[in-house]
Amino acid sequence: MKKGLFITVEGPEGAGKTSVIKKIEETLQERGQTILLTREPGGIEIAEKIREVILNPEHKAMEGRTEALLYSAARRQHLVEKVLPALEQGITVLCDRFIDSSLAYQGHARGLGIDEVWGINQFAIGDMMPDCTLYFDIDPAIGMARIAQNKGREVNRLDLEGMSFHHKVREGYLMLLERFPERIHSIDASRSFEEVYEEALSIVQSLQ
């Protein structure tokens, strides 16, 4: 039986979500809360190996359905091995990407269909949906410019996609925002780091 809060974080490439939730984790831990910060695809050994396959820039031949299935496989293993045990202990889990990424990237941007990819992922996660999702919204041009300036960030296969793909990703997220307005909270990620952090932290605190 789930006891902890399951909070996921989403956004197009370059939205800055990873840096923000790292600071949120540090802030909440300083206040005495137990927080598990993890990511998708990855977070555990098996899923990290799948991540290497999915995001390797050399794997240009990967077909859309293959990509979607690999993401859902990594998601399943990460969920049962890491996320669910933490939630059962009453721990708040902050997860960098979850099912909405697959719906936006593979479902909409790859053209596989949001409902079709939803079906694949329902098999992977059952009814384990997040309590809340923070969506960091940003214009793809700004996000990709940020990535180009961040020399320390890994450049993965998705970063190499054309701008039309990244615009479709954002379009997919905005469709999900309309579909799940009670769960997904949109945050304007084009603002300063501090402004984005303060708003995201406020939302997380309101859930506790």
N, C-alpha and C. Protein backbone atom coordinates (compact mmCIF):
# COMPACT_ATOMS: atom_id res chain seq x y z
N MET A 1 0.85 -1.20 0.00
CA MET A 1 0.00 0.00 0.00
C MET A 1 0.88 1.25 0.00
N LYS A 2 0.63 2.15 -0.94
CA LYS A 2 1.44 3.36 -1.06
C LYS A 2 1.15 4.30 0.11
N LYS A 3 2.22 4.85 0.71
CA LYS A 3 2.07 5.78 1.82
C LYS A 3 2.73 7.13 1.53
N GLY A 4 3.84 7.09 0.78
CA GLY A 4 4.57 8.33 0.50
C GLY A 4 3.98 9.07 -0.69
N LEU A 5 4.47 10.29 -0.90
CA LEU A 5 4.05 11.11 -2.04
C LEU A 5 4.90 10.78 -3.25
N PHE A 6 4.26 10.63 -4.40
CA PHE A 6 4.97 10.36 -5.64
C PHE A 6 4.82 11.58 -6.53
N ILE A 7 5.92 12.33 -6.68
CA ILE A 7 5.93 13.56 -7.46
C ILE A 7 6.86 13.39 -8.65
N THR A 8 6.35 13.63 -9.85
CA THR A 8 7.17 13.52 -11.04
C THR A 8 7.41 14.90 -11.64
N VAL A 9 8.49 15.00 -12.40
CA VAL A 9 8.90 16.28 -12.98
C VAL A 9 9.11 16.08 -14.47
N GLU A 10 8.50 16.95 -15.28
CA GLU A 10 8.53 16.79 -16.72
C GLU A 10 8.92 18.10 -17.41
N GLY A 11 9.26 17.99 -18.69
CA GLY A 11 9.54 19.19 -19.47
C GLY A 11 10.36 18.86 -20.71
N PRO A 12 10.34 19.77 -21.68
CA PRO A 12 11.16 19.58 -22.88
C PRO A 12 12.65 19.67 -22.53
N GLU A 13 13.49 19.35 -23.51
CA GLU A 13 14.94 19.43 -23.30
C GLU A 13 15.34 20.88 -22.96
N GLY A 14 16.22 21.01 -21.96
CA GLY A 14 16.74 22.33 -21.62
C GLY A 14 15.85 23.16 -20.71
N ALA A 15 14.82 22.54 -20.12
CA ALA A 15 13.90 23.28 -19.25
C ALA A 15 14.51 23.59 -17.88
N GLY A 16 15.57 22.87 -17.52
CA GLY A 16 16.25 23.12 -16.25
C GLY A 16 15.64 22.39 -15.07
N LYS A 17 14.75 21.44 -15.33
CA LYS A 17 14.05 20.75 -14.25
C LYS A 17 14.98 19.96 -13.32
N THR A 18 16.02 19.35 -13.88
CA THR A 18 16.90 18.51 -13.08
C THR A 18 17.63 19.33 -12.02
N SER A 19 18.09 20.51 -12.38
CA SER A 19 18.78 21.38 -11.42
C SER A 19 17.83 21.86 -10.34
N VAL A 20 16.61 22.19 -10.73
CA VAL A 20 15.62 22.70 -9.78
C VAL A 20 15.25 21.64 -8.75
N ILE A 21 14.95 20.43 -9.21
CA ILE A 21 14.52 19.42 -8.24
C ILE A 21 15.67 18.95 -7.35
N LYS A 22 16.90 19.08 -7.82
CA LYS A 22 18.05 18.78 -6.96
C LYS A 22 18.10 19.75 -5.80
N LYS A 23 17.82 21.01 -6.07
CA LYS A 23 17.81 22.01 -4.99
C LYS A 23 16.62 21.79 -4.07
N ILE A 24 15.48 21.40 -4.63
CA ILE A 24 14.31 21.10 -3.80
C ILE A 24 14.62 19.93 -2.86
N GLU A 25 15.27 18.91 -3.38
CA GLU A 25 15.67 17.77 -2.56
C GLU A 25 16.54 18.23 -1.40
N GLU A 26 17.54 19.05 -1.70
CA GLU A 26 18.46 19.54 -0.67
C GLU A 26 17.71 20.37 0.38
N THR A 27 16.80 21.22 -0.07
CA THR A 27 16.04 22.07 0.84
C THR A 27 15.18 21.24 1.79
N LEU A 28 14.46 20.28 1.25
CA LEU A 28 13.57 19.47 2.08
C LEU A 28 14.35 18.57 3.04
N GLN A 29 15.50 18.08 2.60
CA GLN A 29 16.32 17.26 3.50
C GLN A 29 16.89 18.08 4.64
N GLU A 30 17.25 19.34 4.34
CA GLU A 30 17.73 20.23 5.39
C GLU A 30 16.66 20.49 6.44
N ARG A 31 15.40 20.38 6.01
CA ARG A 31 14.27 20.59 6.92
C ARG A 31 13.84 19.30 7.61
N GLY A 32 14.63 18.26 7.43
CA GLY A 32 14.39 17.01 8.13
C GLY A 32 13.51 16.01 7.44
N GLN A 33 13.16 16.26 6.17
CA GLN A 33 12.32 15.33 5.45
C GLN A 33 13.17 14.29 4.72
N THR A 34 12.63 13.08 4.61
CA THR A 34 13.31 12.03 3.86
C THR A 34 12.81 12.06 2.42
N ILE A 35 13.72 12.30 1.49
CA ILE A 35 13.37 12.44 0.08
C ILE A 35 14.19 11.47 -0.76
N LEU A 36 13.54 10.84 -1.72
CA LEU A 36 14.26 10.02 -2.69
C LEU A 36 14.19 10.73 -4.04
N LEU A 37 15.34 11.16 -4.55
CA LEU A 37 15.41 11.78 -5.87
C LEU A 37 15.94 10.73 -6.84
N THR A 38 15.20 10.48 -7.90
CA THR A 38 15.61 9.48 -8.88
C THR A 38 15.26 9.97 -10.28
N ARG A 39 15.58 9.16 -11.29
CA ARG A 39 15.34 9.61 -12.66
C ARG A 39 14.93 8.48 -13.58
N GLU A 40 14.34 8.87 -14.69
CA GLU A 40 14.02 7.94 -15.77
C GLU A 40 14.56 8.46 -17.10
N PRO A 41 14.93 7.58 -18.00
CA PRO A 41 15.16 6.16 -17.70
C PRO A 41 16.42 6.04 -16.85
N GLY A 42 16.42 5.11 -15.93
CA GLY A 42 17.59 4.94 -15.05
C GLY A 42 17.16 4.74 -13.61
N GLY A 43 18.02 5.20 -12.70
CA GLY A 43 17.72 5.10 -11.28
C GLY A 43 18.16 3.82 -10.63
N ILE A 44 18.27 2.75 -11.40
CA ILE A 44 18.75 1.45 -10.93
C ILE A 44 19.61 0.84 -12.04
N GLU A 45 20.35 -0.21 -11.72
CA GLU A 45 21.32 -0.76 -12.67
C GLU A 45 20.69 -1.19 -14.00
N ILE A 46 19.63 -1.98 -13.94
CA ILE A 46 19.03 -2.47 -15.18
C ILE A 46 18.52 -1.32 -16.03
N ALA A 47 17.81 -0.38 -15.40
CA ALA A 47 17.24 0.74 -16.14
C ALA A 47 18.31 1.68 -16.69
N GLU A 48 19.43 1.82 -15.96
CA GLU A 48 20.52 2.66 -16.46
C GLU A 48 21.14 2.05 -17.71
N LYS A 49 21.19 0.71 -17.76
CA LYS A 49 21.72 0.04 -18.95
C LYS A 49 20.78 0.23 -20.14
N ILE A 50 19.47 0.18 -19.87
CA ILE A 50 18.50 0.45 -20.94
C ILE A 50 18.64 1.89 -21.40
N ARG A 51 18.88 2.81 -20.45
CA ARG A 51 19.07 4.22 -20.78
C ARG A 51 20.23 4.40 -21.76
N GLU A 52 21.31 3.68 -21.52
CA GLU A 52 22.48 3.77 -22.40
C GLU A 52 22.13 3.37 -23.83
N VAL A 53 21.28 2.37 -23.96
CA VAL A 53 20.86 1.90 -25.28
C VAL A 53 19.96 2.95 -25.95
N ILE A 54 18.98 3.45 -25.19
CA ILE A 54 18.02 4.40 -25.75
C ILE A 54 18.67 5.70 -26.20
N LEU A 55 19.52 6.26 -25.35
CA LEU A 55 20.03 7.61 -25.59
C LEU A 55 21.37 7.67 -26.31
N ASN A 56 21.94 6.53 -26.64
CA ASN A 56 23.22 6.51 -27.35
C ASN A 56 23.07 7.17 -28.72
N PRO A 57 23.81 8.26 -28.98
CA PRO A 57 23.69 8.97 -30.26
C PRO A 57 23.99 8.10 -31.48
N GLU A 58 24.69 6.98 -31.27
CA GLU A 58 25.03 6.10 -32.39
C GLU A 58 23.83 5.25 -32.84
N HIS A 59 22.80 5.17 -31.99
CA HIS A 59 21.67 4.29 -32.29
C HIS A 59 20.60 5.03 -33.10
N LYS A 60 21.01 5.56 -34.23
CA LYS A 60 20.10 6.34 -35.07
C LYS A 60 19.04 5.46 -35.74
N ALA A 61 19.28 4.16 -35.82
CA ALA A 61 18.34 3.27 -36.50
C ALA A 61 17.17 2.86 -35.62
N MET A 62 17.19 3.26 -34.34
CA MET A 62 16.13 2.83 -33.43
C MET A 62 14.75 3.32 -33.89
N GLU A 63 13.82 2.40 -34.03
CA GLU A 63 12.47 2.71 -34.50
C GLU A 63 11.62 3.18 -33.32
N GLY A 64 10.59 3.97 -33.62
CA GLY A 64 9.79 4.60 -32.58
C GLY A 64 9.16 3.63 -31.59
N ARG A 65 8.60 2.54 -32.07
CA ARG A 65 7.96 1.59 -31.16
C ARG A 65 8.99 0.89 -30.29
N THR A 66 10.15 0.60 -30.87
CA THR A 66 11.24 0.01 -30.08
C THR A 66 11.61 0.94 -28.94
N GLU A 67 11.74 2.22 -29.26
CA GLU A 67 12.08 3.24 -28.27
C GLU A 67 11.03 3.27 -27.16
N ALA A 68 9.75 3.29 -27.54
CA ALA A 68 8.67 3.35 -26.56
C ALA A 68 8.67 2.12 -25.65
N LEU A 69 8.91 0.95 -26.23
CA LEU A 69 8.92 -0.29 -25.44
C LEU A 69 10.10 -0.33 -24.48
N LEU A 70 11.25 0.17 -24.92
CA LEU A 70 12.41 0.21 -24.04
C LEU A 70 12.18 1.15 -22.85
N TYR A 71 11.58 2.29 -23.12
CA TYR A 71 11.27 3.22 -22.03
C TYR A 71 10.32 2.58 -21.02
N SER A 72 9.29 1.90 -21.51
CA SER A 72 8.32 1.30 -20.59
C SER A 72 8.94 0.15 -19.80
N ALA A 73 9.87 -0.59 -20.42
CA ALA A 73 10.56 -1.67 -19.72
C ALA A 73 11.43 -1.11 -18.59
N ALA A 74 12.17 -0.05 -18.89
CA ALA A 74 13.00 0.59 -17.87
C ALA A 74 12.12 1.14 -16.75
N ARG A 75 10.98 1.70 -17.13
CA ARG A 75 10.04 2.28 -16.16
C ARG A 75 9.52 1.22 -15.19
N ARG A 76 9.16 0.06 -15.74
CA ARG A 76 8.64 -1.01 -14.90
C ARG A 76 9.66 -1.46 -13.85
N GLN A 77 10.87 -1.70 -14.29
CA GLN A 77 11.89 -2.20 -13.38
C GLN A 77 12.22 -1.16 -12.31
N HIS A 78 12.33 0.08 -12.72
CA HIS A 78 12.63 1.18 -11.79
C HIS A 78 11.51 1.32 -10.77
N LEU A 79 10.27 1.19 -11.23
CA LEU A 79 9.12 1.34 -10.35
C LEU A 79 9.11 0.27 -9.26
N VAL A 80 9.25 -0.99 -9.66
CA VAL A 80 9.12 -2.08 -8.69
C VAL A 80 10.36 -2.22 -7.80
N GLU A 81 11.50 -1.84 -8.34
CA GLU A 81 12.74 -2.03 -7.58
C GLU A 81 13.09 -0.84 -6.68
N LYS A 82 12.67 0.36 -7.07
CA LYS A 82 13.09 1.54 -6.31
C LYS A 82 11.95 2.42 -5.82
N VAL A 83 11.04 2.78 -6.71
CA VAL A 83 10.00 3.75 -6.36
C VAL A 83 8.99 3.18 -5.37
N LEU A 84 8.38 2.05 -5.69
CA LEU A 84 7.35 1.49 -4.82
C LEU A 84 7.86 1.16 -3.42
N PRO A 85 9.05 0.55 -3.27
CA PRO A 85 9.54 0.29 -1.91
C PRO A 85 9.70 1.57 -1.09
N ALA A 86 10.14 2.65 -1.74
CA ALA A 86 10.30 3.92 -1.02
C ALA A 86 8.94 4.47 -0.60
N LEU A 87 7.98 4.43 -1.51
CA LEU A 87 6.64 4.94 -1.19
C LEU A 87 5.99 4.14 -0.06
N GLU A 88 6.23 2.85 -0.06
CA GLU A 88 5.67 1.99 0.99
C GLU A 88 6.25 2.31 2.36
N GLN A 89 7.44 2.91 2.37
CA GLN A 89 8.08 3.32 3.62
C GLN A 89 7.68 4.73 4.03
N GLY A 90 6.80 5.35 3.23
CA GLY A 90 6.35 6.70 3.54
C GLY A 90 7.27 7.80 3.06
N ILE A 91 8.20 7.45 2.17
CA ILE A 91 9.17 8.41 1.66
C ILE A 91 8.58 9.18 0.48
N THR A 92 8.85 10.49 0.41
CA THR A 92 8.45 11.28 -0.75
C THR A 92 9.43 11.03 -1.88
N VAL A 93 8.91 10.62 -3.04
CA VAL A 93 9.76 10.34 -4.20
C VAL A 93 9.63 11.46 -5.22
N LEU A 94 10.77 12.04 -5.59
CA LEU A 94 10.85 13.03 -6.66
C LEU A 94 11.48 12.34 -7.85
N CYS A 95 10.71 12.15 -8.92
CA CYS A 95 11.21 11.40 -10.07
C CYS A 95 11.34 12.31 -11.29
N ASP A 96 12.55 12.40 -11.82
CA ASP A 96 12.85 13.20 -13.00
C ASP A 96 12.40 12.41 -14.24
N ARG A 97 11.20 12.69 -14.71
CA ARG A 97 10.50 12.06 -15.83
C ARG A 97 9.79 10.78 -15.39
N PHE A 98 8.63 10.57 -16.04
CA PHE A 98 7.84 9.35 -15.82
C PHE A 98 6.98 9.13 -17.05
N ILE A 99 5.77 8.66 -16.90
CA ILE A 99 4.94 8.26 -18.03
C ILE A 99 4.65 9.40 -19.01
N ASP A 100 4.52 10.64 -18.51
CA ASP A 100 4.19 11.75 -19.40
C ASP A 100 5.26 11.98 -20.46
N SER A 101 6.52 11.67 -20.13
CA SER A 101 7.59 11.79 -21.13
C SER A 101 7.32 10.89 -22.32
N SER A 102 6.92 9.65 -22.05
CA SER A 102 6.63 8.72 -23.13
C SER A 102 5.44 9.19 -23.96
N LEU A 103 4.43 9.73 -23.30
CA LEU A 103 3.24 10.19 -24.01
C LEU A 103 3.56 11.38 -24.90
N ALA A 104 4.43 12.29 -24.41
CA ALA A 104 4.78 13.48 -25.20
C ALA A 104 5.80 13.18 -26.28
N TYR A 105 6.86 12.44 -25.93
CA TYR A 105 7.95 12.18 -26.87
C TYR A 105 7.59 11.11 -27.90
N GLN A 106 7.22 9.93 -27.41
CA GLN A 106 6.92 8.84 -28.35
C GLN A 106 5.48 8.92 -28.86
N GLY A 107 4.55 9.22 -27.95
CA GLY A 107 3.15 9.26 -28.35
C GLY A 107 2.85 10.36 -29.35
N HIS A 108 3.25 11.59 -29.02
CA HIS A 108 2.92 12.71 -29.90
C HIS A 108 4.05 13.05 -30.88
N ALA A 109 5.25 13.31 -30.35
CA ALA A 109 6.33 13.76 -31.24
C ALA A 109 6.75 12.69 -32.25
N ARG A 110 6.77 11.43 -31.84
CA ARG A 110 7.11 10.34 -32.76
C ARG A 110 5.91 9.91 -33.61
N GLY A 111 4.73 10.38 -33.23
CA GLY A 111 3.54 10.06 -34.01
C GLY A 111 2.97 8.68 -33.77
N LEU A 112 3.32 8.05 -32.64
CA LEU A 112 2.80 6.71 -32.35
C LEU A 112 1.38 6.75 -31.81
N GLY A 113 0.98 7.92 -31.30
CA GLY A 113 -0.35 8.07 -30.72
C GLY A 113 -0.28 8.05 -29.20
N ILE A 114 -0.81 9.09 -28.58
CA ILE A 114 -0.78 9.17 -27.12
C ILE A 114 -1.52 7.99 -26.49
N ASP A 115 -2.68 7.64 -27.01
CA ASP A 115 -3.45 6.54 -26.44
C ASP A 115 -2.74 5.20 -26.61
N GLU A 116 -2.06 5.03 -27.74
CA GLU A 116 -1.33 3.78 -27.97
C GLU A 116 -0.17 3.63 -26.99
N VAL A 117 0.57 4.69 -26.79
CA VAL A 117 1.70 4.64 -25.85
C VAL A 117 1.19 4.56 -24.41
N TRP A 118 0.04 5.16 -24.16
CA TRP A 118 -0.60 5.03 -22.85
C TRP A 118 -0.88 3.55 -22.54
N GLY A 119 -1.33 2.81 -23.55
CA GLY A 119 -1.62 1.40 -23.35
C GLY A 119 -0.39 0.59 -23.00
N ILE A 120 0.71 0.86 -23.69
CA ILE A 120 1.97 0.18 -23.39
C ILE A 120 2.38 0.43 -21.95
N ASN A 121 2.23 1.67 -21.52
CA ASN A 121 2.69 2.05 -20.19
C ASN A 121 1.74 1.62 -19.08
N GLN A 122 0.46 1.47 -19.40
CA GLN A 122 -0.45 0.93 -18.39
C GLN A 122 -0.06 -0.50 -18.03
N PHE A 123 0.39 -1.24 -19.02
CA PHE A 123 0.88 -2.60 -18.76
C PHE A 123 2.11 -2.55 -17.84
N ALA A 124 2.94 -1.51 -18.01
CA ALA A 124 4.17 -1.40 -17.23
C ALA A 124 3.94 -0.91 -15.81
N ILE A 125 3.01 0.04 -15.63
CA ILE A 125 2.87 0.66 -14.31
C ILE A 125 1.56 0.32 -13.60
N GLY A 126 0.63 -0.33 -14.28
CA GLY A 126 -0.66 -0.60 -13.67
C GLY A 126 -1.40 0.70 -13.40
N ASP A 127 -1.85 0.90 -12.16
CA ASP A 127 -2.55 2.13 -11.80
C ASP A 127 -1.67 3.08 -10.99
N MET A 128 -0.35 2.89 -11.09
CA MET A 128 0.59 3.68 -10.29
C MET A 128 0.90 5.03 -10.96
N MET A 129 -0.03 5.97 -10.84
CA MET A 129 0.17 7.30 -11.39
C MET A 129 0.68 8.25 -10.31
N PRO A 130 1.37 9.31 -10.71
CA PRO A 130 1.90 10.27 -9.74
C PRO A 130 0.78 10.99 -8.99
N ASP A 131 1.09 11.42 -7.76
CA ASP A 131 0.16 12.26 -7.01
C ASP A 131 0.15 13.66 -7.61
N CYS A 132 1.29 14.07 -8.14
CA CYS A 132 1.43 15.41 -8.72
C CYS A 132 2.56 15.39 -9.73
N THR A 133 2.41 16.18 -10.79
CA THR A 133 3.46 16.31 -11.79
C THR A 133 3.77 17.79 -12.01
N LEU A 134 5.03 18.15 -11.89
CA LEU A 134 5.48 19.51 -12.17
C LEU A 134 5.95 19.54 -13.63
N TYR A 135 5.30 20.36 -14.44
CA TYR A 135 5.69 20.47 -15.84
C TYR A 135 6.41 21.80 -16.05
N PHE A 136 7.68 21.72 -16.42
CA PHE A 136 8.51 22.91 -16.66
C PHE A 136 8.38 23.28 -18.14
N ASP A 137 7.62 24.32 -18.40
CA ASP A 137 7.32 24.70 -19.78
C ASP A 137 8.33 25.73 -20.29
N ILE A 138 8.83 25.47 -21.50
CA ILE A 138 9.79 26.40 -22.10
C ILE A 138 9.72 26.29 -23.63
N ASP A 139 9.97 27.40 -24.29
CA ASP A 139 10.04 27.39 -25.75
C ASP A 139 11.23 26.53 -26.16
N PRO A 140 11.05 25.60 -27.09
CA PRO A 140 12.15 24.70 -27.49
C PRO A 140 13.41 25.43 -27.94
N ALA A 141 13.26 26.58 -28.59
CA ALA A 141 14.45 27.32 -29.04
C ALA A 141 15.29 27.77 -27.86
N ILE A 142 14.63 28.21 -26.79
CA ILE A 142 15.35 28.63 -25.58
C ILE A 142 15.99 27.43 -24.91
N GLY A 143 15.24 26.34 -24.83
CA GLY A 143 15.76 25.13 -24.19
C GLY A 143 16.98 24.57 -24.90
N MET A 144 16.93 24.51 -26.22
CA MET A 144 18.07 23.97 -26.97
C MET A 144 19.27 24.91 -26.91
N ALA A 145 19.01 26.21 -26.82
CA ALA A 145 20.12 27.17 -26.67
C ALA A 145 20.80 26.98 -25.33
N ARG A 146 20.03 26.69 -24.30
CA ARG A 146 20.60 26.42 -22.98
C ARG A 146 21.50 25.18 -23.02
N ILE A 147 21.02 24.15 -23.71
CA ILE A 147 21.80 22.92 -23.81
C ILE A 147 23.13 23.19 -24.52
N ALA A 148 23.09 23.99 -25.58
CA ALA A 148 24.31 24.32 -26.34
C ALA A 148 25.32 25.07 -25.47
N GLN A 149 24.82 25.84 -24.51
CA GLN A 149 25.71 26.61 -23.63
C GLN A 149 26.22 25.79 -22.46
N ASN A 150 25.53 24.69 -22.14
CA ASN A 150 25.91 23.86 -21.00
C ASN A 150 26.87 22.76 -21.45
N LYS A 151 28.13 23.05 -21.39
CA LYS A 151 29.14 22.10 -21.90
C LYS A 151 29.25 20.84 -21.06
N GLY A 152 28.80 20.89 -19.81
CA GLY A 152 28.93 19.73 -18.94
C GLY A 152 27.79 18.73 -19.08
N ARG A 153 26.74 19.07 -19.81
CA ARG A 153 25.58 18.20 -19.95
C ARG A 153 25.82 17.16 -21.03
N GLU A 154 25.35 15.94 -20.78
CA GLU A 154 25.48 14.89 -21.78
C GLU A 154 24.62 15.23 -22.99
N VAL A 155 25.14 15.00 -24.17
CA VAL A 155 24.37 15.20 -25.39
C VAL A 155 23.85 13.83 -25.80
N ASN A 156 22.53 13.66 -25.75
CA ASN A 156 21.98 12.35 -26.06
C ASN A 156 21.28 12.34 -27.42
N ARG A 157 20.77 11.19 -27.78
CA ARG A 157 20.18 11.01 -29.11
C ARG A 157 18.99 11.94 -29.35
N LEU A 158 18.23 12.22 -28.31
CA LEU A 158 17.06 13.10 -28.46
C LEU A 158 17.47 14.56 -28.68
N ASP A 159 18.62 14.96 -28.11
CA ASP A 159 19.10 16.32 -28.31
C ASP A 159 19.41 16.59 -29.79
N LEU A 160 19.73 15.53 -30.51
CA LEU A 160 20.15 15.68 -31.91
C LEU A 160 18.97 15.76 -32.88
N GLU A 161 17.76 15.63 -32.35
CA GLU A 161 16.58 15.73 -33.21
C GLU A 161 16.41 17.18 -33.69
N GLY A 162 15.72 17.37 -34.80
CA GLY A 162 15.47 18.71 -35.34
C GLY A 162 14.49 19.49 -34.48
N MET A 163 14.42 20.80 -34.71
CA MET A 163 13.56 21.66 -33.90
C MET A 163 12.09 21.29 -34.03
N SER A 164 11.68 20.77 -35.19
CA SER A 164 10.28 20.40 -35.36
C SER A 164 9.89 19.31 -34.36
N PHE A 165 10.81 18.38 -34.09
CA PHE A 165 10.56 17.32 -33.11
C PHE A 165 10.35 17.92 -31.72
N HIS A 166 11.23 18.84 -31.35
CA HIS A 166 11.14 19.44 -30.01
C HIS A 166 9.89 20.29 -29.85
N HIS A 167 9.44 20.93 -30.92
CA HIS A 167 8.18 21.67 -30.86
C HIS A 167 7.00 20.71 -30.66
N LYS A 168 7.08 19.54 -31.29
CA LYS A 168 6.02 18.54 -31.13
C LYS A 168 6.01 17.99 -29.70
N VAL A 169 7.20 17.86 -29.11
CA VAL A 169 7.28 17.39 -27.72
C VAL A 169 6.53 18.36 -26.81
N ARG A 170 6.82 19.65 -26.99
CA ARG A 170 6.13 20.65 -26.16
C ARG A 170 4.62 20.62 -26.42
N GLU A 171 4.26 20.49 -27.67
CA GLU A 171 2.85 20.42 -28.04
C GLU A 171 2.18 19.24 -27.35
N GLY A 172 2.89 18.12 -27.29
CA GLY A 172 2.37 16.93 -26.61
C GLY A 172 2.16 17.18 -25.13
N TYR A 173 3.12 17.85 -24.50
CA TYR A 173 2.98 18.15 -23.08
C TYR A 173 1.78 19.06 -22.82
N LEU A 174 1.57 20.05 -23.68
CA LEU A 174 0.45 20.96 -23.50
C LEU A 174 -0.88 20.23 -23.66
N MET A 175 -0.91 19.22 -24.52
CA MET A 175 -2.11 18.38 -24.66
C MET A 175 -2.36 17.59 -23.37
N LEU A 176 -1.29 17.10 -22.76
CA LEU A 176 -1.42 16.35 -21.51
C LEU A 176 -1.87 17.25 -20.37
N LEU A 177 -1.42 18.50 -20.41
CA LEU A 177 -1.83 19.47 -19.40
C LEU A 177 -3.34 19.67 -19.43
N GLU A 178 -3.91 19.67 -20.64
CA GLU A 178 -5.35 19.80 -20.79
C GLU A 178 -6.07 18.52 -20.35
N ARG A 179 -5.43 17.39 -20.58
CA ARG A 179 -6.06 16.11 -20.24
C ARG A 179 -6.03 15.83 -18.74
N PHE A 180 -4.96 16.26 -18.09
CA PHE A 180 -4.80 15.98 -16.65
C PHE A 180 -4.58 17.27 -15.85
N PRO A 181 -5.53 18.19 -15.89
CA PRO A 181 -5.32 19.49 -15.22
C PRO A 181 -5.22 19.40 -13.70
N GLU A 182 -5.83 18.39 -13.09
CA GLU A 182 -5.77 18.25 -11.63
C GLU A 182 -4.41 17.77 -11.18
N ARG A 183 -3.75 16.97 -12.02
CA ARG A 183 -2.45 16.39 -11.62
C ARG A 183 -1.25 17.22 -12.06
N ILE A 184 -1.29 17.78 -13.26
CA ILE A 184 -0.13 18.47 -13.82
C ILE A 184 -0.18 19.96 -13.54
N HIS A 185 0.89 20.47 -12.94
CA HIS A 185 1.03 21.90 -12.64
C HIS A 185 2.08 22.49 -13.58
N SER A 186 1.69 23.48 -14.37
CA SER A 186 2.61 24.08 -15.33
C SER A 186 3.40 25.23 -14.68
N ILE A 187 4.71 25.21 -14.91
CA ILE A 187 5.62 26.24 -14.37
C ILE A 187 6.37 26.87 -15.54
N ASP A 188 6.39 28.19 -15.60
CA ASP A 188 7.10 28.90 -16.65
C ASP A 188 8.61 28.80 -16.39
N ALA A 189 9.28 27.93 -17.15
CA ALA A 189 10.70 27.66 -16.91
C ALA A 189 11.63 28.63 -17.62
N SER A 190 11.07 29.63 -18.31
CA SER A 190 11.92 30.62 -18.99
C SER A 190 12.41 31.70 -18.03
N ARG A 191 11.87 31.71 -16.82
CA ARG A 191 12.26 32.70 -15.82
C ARG A 191 13.58 32.32 -15.16
N SER A 192 14.00 33.12 -14.19
CA SER A 192 15.26 32.86 -13.49
C SER A 192 15.17 31.56 -12.71
N PHE A 193 16.32 30.96 -12.44
CA PHE A 193 16.37 29.72 -11.68
C PHE A 193 15.66 29.87 -10.34
N GLU A 194 15.90 30.97 -9.66
CA GLU A 194 15.33 31.18 -8.33
C GLU A 194 13.81 31.26 -8.38
N GLU A 195 13.28 31.94 -9.39
CA GLU A 195 11.82 32.06 -9.52
C GLU A 195 11.18 30.70 -9.78
N VAL A 196 11.80 29.94 -10.66
CA VAL A 196 11.28 28.61 -10.99
C VAL A 196 11.36 27.69 -9.77
N TYR A 197 12.48 27.75 -9.08
CA TYR A 197 12.68 26.93 -7.88
C TYR A 197 11.64 27.26 -6.81
N GLU A 198 11.42 28.55 -6.55
CA GLU A 198 10.48 28.97 -5.51
C GLU A 198 9.06 28.48 -5.82
N GLU A 199 8.64 28.58 -7.08
CA GLU A 199 7.29 28.14 -7.45
C GLU A 199 7.17 26.62 -7.31
N ALA A 200 8.18 25.91 -7.79
CA ALA A 200 8.15 24.44 -7.71
C ALA A 200 8.15 23.97 -6.26
N LEU A 201 8.97 24.60 -5.43
CA LEU A 201 9.04 24.24 -4.01
C LEU A 201 7.69 24.50 -3.33
N SER A 202 7.06 25.61 -3.68
CA SER A 202 5.76 25.96 -3.09
C SER A 202 4.72 24.90 -3.42
N ILE A 203 4.73 24.41 -4.65
CA ILE A 203 3.76 23.37 -5.04
C ILE A 203 4.01 22.09 -4.27
N VAL A 204 5.28 21.70 -4.17
CA VAL A 204 5.63 20.47 -3.44
C VAL A 204 5.22 20.58 -1.97
N GLN A 205 5.50 21.72 -1.38
CA GLN A 205 5.16 21.91 0.04
C GLN A 205 3.64 21.88 0.27
N SER A 206 2.88 22.36 -0.71
CA SER A 206 1.42 22.38 -0.57
C SER A 206 0.82 20.99 -0.55
N LEU A 207 1.58 19.99 -1.01
CA LEU A 207 1.08 18.62 -1.07
C LEU A 207 1.29 17.88 0.25
N GLN A 208 2.15 18.42 1.09
CA GLN A 208 2.56 17.69 2.30
C GLN A 208 1.70 18.03 3.51
